C-alpha atoms as a PDB file:
ATOM      1  CA  MET A   1     -11.083 118.736 131.291  1.00  0.00           C
ATOM      2  CA  LYS A   2     -14.999 119.427 131.559  1.00  0.00           C
ATOM      3  CA  LYS A   3     -16.515 118.153 134.455  1.00  0.00           C
ATOM      4  CA  PHE A   4     -19.971 116.369 133.778  1.00  0.00           C
ATOM      5  CA  LYS A   5     -22.550 117.074 136.744  1.00  0.00           C
ATOM      6  CA  ILE A   6     -24.289 113.867 137.412  1.00  0.00           C
ATOM      7  CA  GLY A   7     -27.262 113.872 139.512  1.00  0.00           C
ATOM      8  CA  MET A   8     -27.484 110.584 141.719  1.00  0.00           C
ATOM      9  CA  LEU A   9     -31.259 109.901 143.004  1.00  0.00           C
ATOM     10  CA  LEU A  10     -31.956 108.839 146.473  1.00  0.00           C
ATOM     11  CA  PHE A  11     -35.153 107.249 147.449  1.00  0.00           C
ATOM     12  CA  PRO A  12     -36.478 105.240 150.435  1.00  0.00           C
ATOM     13  CA  ASP A  13     -35.652 101.326 150.432  1.00  0.00           C
ATOM     14  CA  LEU A  14     -33.218 101.604 147.661  1.00  0.00           C
ATOM     15  CA  THR A  15     -30.452  99.203 146.957  1.00  0.00           C
ATOM     16  CA  ILE A  16     -27.330 100.407 148.296  1.00  0.00           C
ATOM     17  CA  LEU A  17     -24.684  99.103 145.631  1.00  0.00           C
ATOM     18  CA  ASP A  18     -26.693 100.283 142.970  1.00  0.00           C
ATOM     19  CA  LEU A  19     -25.960 103.614 144.371  1.00  0.00           C
ATOM     20  CA  THR A  20     -22.434 103.289 145.828  1.00  0.00           C
ATOM     21  CA  GLY A  21     -21.259 101.041 142.897  1.00  0.00           C
ATOM     22  CA  PRO A  22     -21.362 103.526 140.272  1.00  0.00           C
ATOM     23  CA  TYR A  23     -20.465 106.582 143.013  1.00  0.00           C
ATOM     24  CA  ASP A  24     -17.426 105.032 143.702  1.00  0.00           C
ATOM     25  CA  VAL A  25     -16.567 105.039 139.858  1.00  0.00           C
ATOM     26  CA  PHE A  26     -17.751 108.662 139.612  1.00  0.00           C
ATOM     27  CA  ILE A  27     -15.773 110.282 142.388  1.00  0.00           C
ATOM     28  CA  ARG A  28     -12.330 109.058 141.155  1.00  0.00           C
ATOM     29  CA  ALA A  29     -12.886 110.295 137.518  1.00  0.00           C
ATOM     30  CA  ALA A  30     -12.140 113.576 136.813  1.00  0.00           C
ATOM     31  CA  CYS A  31     -14.559 113.785 134.425  1.00  0.00           C
ATOM     32  CA  PHE A  32     -17.558 113.865 136.974  1.00  0.00           C
ATOM     33  CA  GLU A  33     -19.271 116.263 139.518  1.00  0.00           C
ATOM     34  CA  VAL A  34     -21.332 114.378 141.730  1.00  0.00           C
ATOM     35  CA  TYR A  35     -24.579 115.904 142.742  1.00  0.00           C
ATOM     36  CA  ILE A  36     -26.837 113.448 145.608  1.00  0.00           C
ATOM     37  CA  VAL A  37     -30.363 114.501 145.285  1.00  0.00           C
ATOM     38  CA  ALA A  38     -33.447 113.414 147.144  1.00  0.00           C
ATOM     39  CA  GLU A  39     -37.011 114.648 147.312  1.00  0.00           C
ATOM     40  CA  ASN A  40     -36.131 116.401 150.336  1.00  0.00           C
ATOM     41  CA  ILE A  41     -32.658 116.344 152.492  1.00  0.00           C
ATOM     42  CA  ARG A  42     -33.644 114.662 155.278  1.00  0.00           C
ATOM     43  CA  SER A  43     -31.755 111.509 155.456  1.00  0.00           C
ATOM     44  CA  VAL A  44     -33.559 108.326 153.557  1.00  0.00           C
ATOM     45  CA  LYS A  45     -32.862 104.711 154.742  1.00  0.00           C
ATOM     46  CA  ALA A  46     -31.724 102.186 151.998  1.00  0.00           C
ATOM     47  CA  GLU A  47     -32.405  98.518 152.130  1.00  0.00           C
ATOM     48  CA  GLY A  48     -31.346  96.872 155.410  1.00  0.00           C
ATOM     49  CA  GLY A  49     -31.506 100.416 157.017  1.00  0.00           C
ATOM     50  CA  LEU A  50     -28.375 102.355 156.286  1.00  0.00           C
ATOM     51  CA  SER A  51     -29.267 106.097 156.234  1.00  0.00           C
ATOM     52  CA  ILE A  52     -27.879 108.323 153.575  1.00  0.00           C
ATOM     53  CA  LYS A  53     -28.537 112.169 153.245  1.00  0.00           C
ATOM     54  CA  ALA A  54     -28.424 114.008 150.233  1.00  0.00           C
ATOM     55  CA  ASP A  55     -26.885 117.281 149.203  1.00  0.00           C
ATOM     56  CA  TYR A  56     -29.795 118.645 147.109  1.00  0.00           C
ATOM     57  CA  SER A  57     -33.630 118.581 147.444  1.00  0.00           C
ATOM     58  CA  PHE A  58     -35.821 118.364 144.158  1.00  0.00           C
ATOM     59  CA  ASP A  59     -36.207 122.000 144.631  1.00  0.00           C
ATOM     60  CA  ASP A  60     -32.804 123.062 144.794  1.00  0.00           C
ATOM     61  CA  CYS A  61     -31.130 120.876 142.259  1.00  0.00           C
ATOM     62  CA  PRO A  62     -29.382 122.181 139.633  1.00  0.00           C
ATOM     63  CA  LEU A  63     -29.831 121.117 136.087  1.00  0.00           C
ATOM     64  CA  VAL A  64     -27.436 118.110 135.677  1.00  0.00           C
ATOM     65  CA  ASP A  65     -25.946 116.710 132.651  1.00  0.00           C
ATOM     66  CA  ILE A  66     -26.142 112.892 133.487  1.00  0.00           C
ATOM     67  CA  LEU A  67     -29.172 111.727 135.308  1.00  0.00           C
ATOM     68  CA  PHE A  68     -28.954 108.459 137.371  1.00  0.00           C
ATOM     69  CA  VAL A  69     -31.309 106.150 139.000  1.00  0.00           C
ATOM     70  CA  PRO A  70     -30.842 103.509 140.996  1.00  0.00           C
ATOM     71  CA  GLY A  71     -33.012 100.680 141.855  1.00  0.00           C
ATOM     72  CA  GLY A  72     -34.408  98.598 144.802  1.00  0.00           C
ATOM     73  CA  LYS A  73     -37.526  97.510 146.623  1.00  0.00           C
ATOM     74  CA  GLY A  74     -38.368 101.353 147.017  1.00  0.00           C
ATOM     75  CA  ILE A  75     -39.333 101.834 143.318  1.00  0.00           C
ATOM     76  CA  THR A  76     -42.330 100.062 143.429  1.00  0.00           C
ATOM     77  CA  PRO A  77     -44.181 103.197 145.203  1.00  0.00           C
ATOM     78  CA  LEU A  78     -42.402 105.556 143.051  1.00  0.00           C
ATOM     79  CA  LEU A  79     -44.048 103.998 139.602  1.00  0.00           C
ATOM     80  CA  THR A  80     -47.092 105.919 140.323  1.00  0.00           C
ATOM     81  CA  ASN A  81     -45.119 108.992 142.427  1.00  0.00           C
ATOM     82  CA  LYS A  82     -46.301 111.976 140.302  1.00  0.00           C
ATOM     83  CA  THR A  83     -43.554 114.133 142.065  1.00  0.00           C
ATOM     84  CA  TYR A  84     -40.587 112.191 141.342  1.00  0.00           C
ATOM     85  CA  HIS A  85     -42.014 111.493 137.327  1.00  0.00           C
ATOM     86  CA  ALA A  86     -42.020 115.382 137.612  1.00  0.00           C
ATOM     87  CA  PHE A  87     -38.423 115.950 138.681  1.00  0.00           C
ATOM     88  CA  LEU A  88     -36.773 113.242 136.261  1.00  0.00           C
ATOM     89  CA  GLN A  89     -38.926 114.790 133.547  1.00  0.00           C
ATOM     90  CA  LYS A  90     -37.850 118.162 134.328  1.00  0.00           C
ATOM     91  CA  GLN A  91     -34.038 117.149 134.495  1.00  0.00           C
ATOM     92  CA  ALA A  92     -34.138 114.821 131.469  1.00  0.00           C
ATOM     93  CA  ALA A  93     -35.435 117.662 129.362  1.00  0.00           C
ATOM     94  CA  SER A  94     -31.558 118.891 129.494  1.00  0.00           C
ATOM     95  CA  ALA A  95     -29.609 116.475 130.233  1.00  0.00           C
ATOM     96  CA  GLN A  96     -27.409 114.944 127.967  1.00  0.00           C
ATOM     97  CA  TYR A  97     -27.744 111.266 129.131  1.00  0.00           C
ATOM     98  CA  ILE A  98     -30.631 109.529 131.178  1.00  0.00           C
ATOM     99  CA  THR A  99     -29.179 106.778 133.145  1.00  0.00           C
ATOM    100  CA  ALA A 100     -29.984 103.853 135.381  1.00  0.00           C
ATOM    101  CA  VAL A 101     -29.032 100.620 137.193  1.00  0.00           C
ATOM    102  CA  CYS A 102     -31.196  97.713 138.019  1.00  0.00           C
ATOM    103  CA  THR A 103     -34.749  98.476 138.559  1.00  0.00           C
ATOM    104  CA  GLY A 104     -33.995 102.248 138.294  1.00  0.00           C
ATOM    105  CA  SER A 105     -35.312 101.381 134.501  1.00  0.00           C
ATOM    106  CA  LEU A 106     -38.472 100.970 135.683  1.00  0.00           C
ATOM    107  CA  LEU A 107     -38.868 104.543 137.304  1.00  0.00           C
ATOM    108  CA  LEU A 108     -37.265 105.653 134.108  1.00  0.00           C
ATOM    109  CA  ALA A 109     -39.958 103.840 132.077  1.00  0.00           C
ATOM    110  CA  ALA A 110     -42.715 104.898 134.259  1.00  0.00           C
ATOM    111  CA  SER A 111     -41.960 108.328 133.952  1.00  0.00           C
ATOM    112  CA  GLY A 112     -41.671 108.187 130.007  1.00  0.00           C
ATOM    113  CA  LEU A 113     -38.106 108.464 129.576  1.00  0.00           C
ATOM    114  CA  LEU A 114     -37.569 105.033 127.915  1.00  0.00           C
ATOM    115  CA  LYS A 115     -39.942 105.135 125.231  1.00  0.00           C
ATOM    116  CA  GLY A 116     -38.209 104.025 121.925  1.00  0.00           C
ATOM    117  CA  TYR A 117     -35.057 102.818 123.633  1.00  0.00           C
ATOM    118  CA  LYS A 118     -33.283  99.851 124.422  1.00  0.00           C
ATOM    119  CA  ALA A 119     -32.424  99.415 128.217  1.00  0.00           C
ATOM    120  CA  THR A 120     -31.361  96.528 130.490  1.00  0.00           C
ATOM    121  CA  THR A 121     -32.518  95.880 134.222  1.00  0.00           C
ATOM    122  CA  HIS A 122     -32.405  93.347 136.836  1.00  0.00           C
ATOM    123  CA  TRP A 123     -32.683  89.915 135.203  1.00  0.00           C
ATOM    124  CA  ARG A 124     -36.202  89.343 137.308  1.00  0.00           C
ATOM    125  CA  SER A 125     -37.549  92.579 136.132  1.00  0.00           C
ATOM    126  CA  LEU A 126     -36.989  92.157 132.232  1.00  0.00           C
ATOM    127  CA  GLU A 127     -40.374  91.180 131.769  1.00  0.00           C
ATOM    128  CA  LEU A 128     -41.563  94.154 133.655  1.00  0.00           C
ATOM    129  CA  LEU A 129     -39.743  96.570 131.472  1.00  0.00           C
ATOM    130  CA  ARG A 130     -41.170  94.981 128.499  1.00  0.00           C
ATOM    131  CA  MET A 131     -44.495  95.697 129.990  1.00  0.00           C
ATOM    132  CA  PHE A 132     -43.582  99.589 129.491  1.00  0.00           C
ATOM    133  CA  GLY A 133     -43.110  98.775 125.467  1.00  0.00           C
ATOM    134  CA  VAL A 134     -39.426  98.843 126.378  1.00  0.00           C
ATOM    135  CA  GLU A 135     -36.964  96.802 124.404  1.00  0.00           C
ATOM    136  CA  ALA A 136     -35.471  95.044 127.043  1.00  0.00           C
ATOM    137  CA  ILE A 137     -31.969  93.340 126.843  1.00  0.00           C
ATOM    138  CA  GLU A 138     -30.577  90.804 129.029  1.00  0.00           C
ATOM    139  CA  LYS A 139     -27.230  92.277 129.106  1.00  0.00           C
ATOM    140  CA  ARG A 140     -24.683  93.886 131.816  1.00  0.00           C
ATOM    141  CA  VAL A 141     -24.565  97.300 130.312  1.00  0.00           C
ATOM    142  CA  VAL A 142     -26.819  98.755 127.484  1.00  0.00           C
ATOM    143  CA  MET A 143     -26.218 101.858 125.673  1.00  0.00           C
ATOM    144  CA  ASP A 144     -28.511 103.504 123.161  1.00  0.00           C
ATOM    145  CA  ARG A 145     -27.902 107.022 122.217  1.00  0.00           C
ATOM    146  CA  THR A 146     -28.768 109.024 125.241  1.00  0.00           C
ATOM    147  CA  ARG A 147     -29.915 106.495 127.511  1.00  0.00           C
ATOM    148  CA  ILE A 148     -27.481 104.103 129.256  1.00  0.00           C
ATOM    149  CA  THR A 149     -28.682 101.296 131.736  1.00  0.00           C
ATOM    150  CA  GLY A 150     -26.912  98.673 133.859  1.00  0.00           C
ATOM    151  CA  GLY A 151     -28.288  95.395 134.954  1.00  0.00           C
ATOM    152  CA  GLY A 152     -28.704  94.123 138.228  1.00  0.00           C
ATOM    153  CA  ILE A 153     -26.936  95.569 141.385  1.00  0.00           C
ATOM    154  CA  SER A 154     -23.459  94.544 141.087  1.00  0.00           C
ATOM    155  CA  ALA A 155     -23.541  95.316 137.436  1.00  0.00           C
ATOM    156  CA  GLY A 156     -23.348  99.205 138.330  1.00  0.00           C
ATOM    157  CA  ILE A 157     -19.530  98.928 138.810  1.00  0.00           C
ATOM    158  CA  ASP A 158     -19.408  98.061 134.982  1.00  0.00           C
ATOM    159  CA  PHE A 159     -22.320 100.533 134.264  1.00  0.00           C
ATOM    160  CA  GLY A 160     -20.146 103.226 135.549  1.00  0.00           C
ATOM    161  CA  LEU A 161     -16.790 102.394 134.160  1.00  0.00           C
ATOM    162  CA  SER A 162     -18.730 102.227 130.622  1.00  0.00           C
ATOM    163  CA  LEU A 163     -20.256 105.734 131.392  1.00  0.00           C
ATOM    164  CA  THR A 164     -16.793 106.983 132.165  1.00  0.00           C
ATOM    165  CA  ALA A 165     -15.214 105.746 129.102  1.00  0.00           C
ATOM    166  CA  LEU A 166     -17.890 107.301 127.203  1.00  0.00           C
ATOM    167  CA  ILE A 167     -17.433 111.088 128.900  1.00  0.00           C
ATOM    168  CA  GLY A 168     -13.772 110.634 129.695  1.00  0.00           C
ATOM    169  CA  GLY A 169     -11.817 108.366 127.720  1.00  0.00           C
ATOM    170  CA  LYS A 170     -11.044 104.483 128.181  1.00  0.00           C
ATOM    171  CA  ASP A 171      -7.627 105.488 129.760  1.00  0.00           C
ATOM    172  CA  ILE A 172      -9.566 107.501 132.852  1.00  0.00           C
ATOM    173  CA  ALA A 173     -11.891 104.207 132.917  1.00  0.00           C
ATOM    174  CA  LYS A 174      -9.313 101.960 132.925  1.00  0.00           C
ATOM    175  CA  LEU A 175      -7.156 103.945 135.564  1.00  0.00           C
ATOM    176  CA  VAL A 176     -10.510 104.073 138.003  1.00  0.00           C
ATOM    177  CA  GLN A 177     -10.919 100.258 137.494  1.00  0.00           C
ATOM    178  CA  LEU A 178      -7.465  99.531 138.505  1.00  0.00           C
ATOM    179  CA  LEU A 179      -7.805 101.674 141.630  1.00  0.00           C
ATOM    180  CA  LEU A 180     -11.003  99.846 142.664  1.00  0.00           C
ATOM    181  CA  GLU A 181      -9.234  96.893 141.593  1.00  0.00           C
ATOM    182  CA  TYR A 182     -12.105  95.557 139.901  1.00  0.00           C
ATOM    183  CA  ASN A 183     -11.219  92.209 138.849  1.00  0.00           C
ATOM    184  CA  PRO A 184     -13.975  90.066 139.614  1.00  0.00           C
ATOM    185  CA  GLU A 185     -13.509  86.423 140.293  1.00  0.00           C
ATOM    186  CA  PRO A 186     -17.078  85.015 141.514  1.00  0.00           C
ATOM    187  CA  PRO A 187     -16.861  82.042 143.878  1.00  0.00           C
ATOM    188  CA  PHE A 188     -19.939  80.508 142.029  1.00  0.00           C
ATOM    189  CA  GLU A 189     -21.288  80.310 138.576  1.00  0.00           C
ATOM    190  CA  SER A 190     -24.660  81.329 139.915  1.00  0.00           C
ATOM    191  CA  GLY A 191     -25.098  85.078 138.851  1.00  0.00           C
ATOM    192  CA  LEU A 192     -27.605  84.612 136.005  1.00  0.00           C
ATOM    193  CA  PRO A 193     -30.677  82.281 136.007  1.00  0.00           C
ATOM    194  CA  LYS A 194     -28.592  80.436 132.853  1.00  0.00           C
ATOM    195  CA  THR A 195     -26.063  79.549 135.056  1.00  0.00           C
ATOM    196  CA  ALA A 196     -27.554  79.017 138.319  1.00  0.00           C
ATOM    197  CA  GLU A 197     -28.565  75.667 139.570  1.00  0.00           C
ATOM    198  CA  PRO A 198     -32.538  74.970 139.081  1.00  0.00           C
ATOM    199  CA  TYR A 199     -33.077  74.493 142.706  1.00  0.00           C
ATOM    200  CA  ILE A 200     -31.148  78.168 143.338  1.00  0.00           C
ATOM    201  CA  LEU A 201     -33.277  79.551 140.975  1.00  0.00           C
ATOM    202  CA  GLU A 202     -36.313  78.174 142.282  1.00  0.00           C
ATOM    203  CA  MET A 203     -35.816  79.463 145.460  1.00  0.00           C
ATOM    204  CA  ALA A 204     -34.519  82.974 144.174  1.00  0.00           C
ATOM    205  CA  MET A 205     -37.817  83.342 142.049  1.00  0.00           C
ATOM    206  CA  LYS A 206     -39.837  82.376 145.457  1.00  0.00           C
ATOM    207  CA  ILE A 207     -38.460  84.897 147.136  1.00  0.00           C
ATOM    208  CA  THR A 208     -38.777  87.521 144.605  1.00  0.00           C
ATOM    209  CA  GLN A 209     -42.340  86.821 143.338  1.00  0.00           C
ATOM    210  CA  PRO A 210     -44.426  88.967 145.874  1.00  0.00           C
ATOM    211  CA  LEU A 211     -42.448  92.148 144.826  1.00  0.00           C
ATOM    212  CA  PHE A 212     -42.691  90.692 141.353  1.00  0.00           C
ATOM    213  CA  ASP A 213     -46.482  90.445 141.666  1.00  0.00           C
ATOM    214  CA  SER A 214     -47.093  93.951 143.171  1.00  0.00           C
ATOM    215  CA  ARG A 215     -45.176  95.735 140.379  1.00  0.00           C
ATOM    216  CA  ILE A 216     -47.192  93.712 137.695  1.00  0.00           C
ATOM    217  CA  GLU A 217     -50.402  95.026 139.060  1.00  0.00           C
ATOM    218  CA  ILE A 218     -48.867  98.416 139.311  1.00  0.00           C
ATOM    219  CA  ILE A 219     -47.980  98.353 135.806  1.00  0.00           C
ATOM    220  CA  GLN A 220     -50.550  96.997 134.397  1.00  0.00           C
ATOM    221  CA  GLN A 221     -52.725  99.290 135.768  1.00  0.00           C
ATOM    222  CA  ILE A 222     -50.166 102.376 134.575  1.00  0.00           C
ATOM    223  CA  THR A 223     -50.186 100.620 131.047  1.00  0.00           C
ATOM    224  CA  ASN A 224     -53.625  99.456 131.095  1.00  0.00           C
ATOM    225  CA  THR A 225     -52.624  95.962 129.920  1.00  0.00           C
END
């Protein structure tokens, strides 16, 4: 079986589960070879302070078959970071699939890589994704031709399994799902705005409002809206 090279992007203040959810799927699937890449190979700190080190820098990373971008607070400064945009555009030019989980979709959009495609992101950022002209869909995983995106954070496992099924077949994806014992039974029905109690949703909106506002301002400048 051909192994698809999948390049997984690191950056400061990424959300660790955005990365490790799909990562734990990919390393168990025979159809993938995982490349961890960052601007340089020094360690970066994810949200909460966990350090991660890349295998490749932007300068020495081979061309990959699948490009993957996680999300996190650190996406905000990258929306205008031309170094990241240039790296993603270079890789995307030859990659077969361009993918993201959570607010990683915002960086793909800022890099011009979601124009004309349907995509998803964290529920709080669907409005922001639409500001880029992207048809944003509230769904766990959205597959539109060569673009595959996952919703917020925990959706990374669903995304990883969906991509595995596409590349390696459903049986491999089902095997990985079993190995991961991915059989979610959430203790509460508060995982989406429409199922959360109003006061829980209000707290979530309040907590995320400063980051949301800062991103709106940046995207308005980028898109001249």
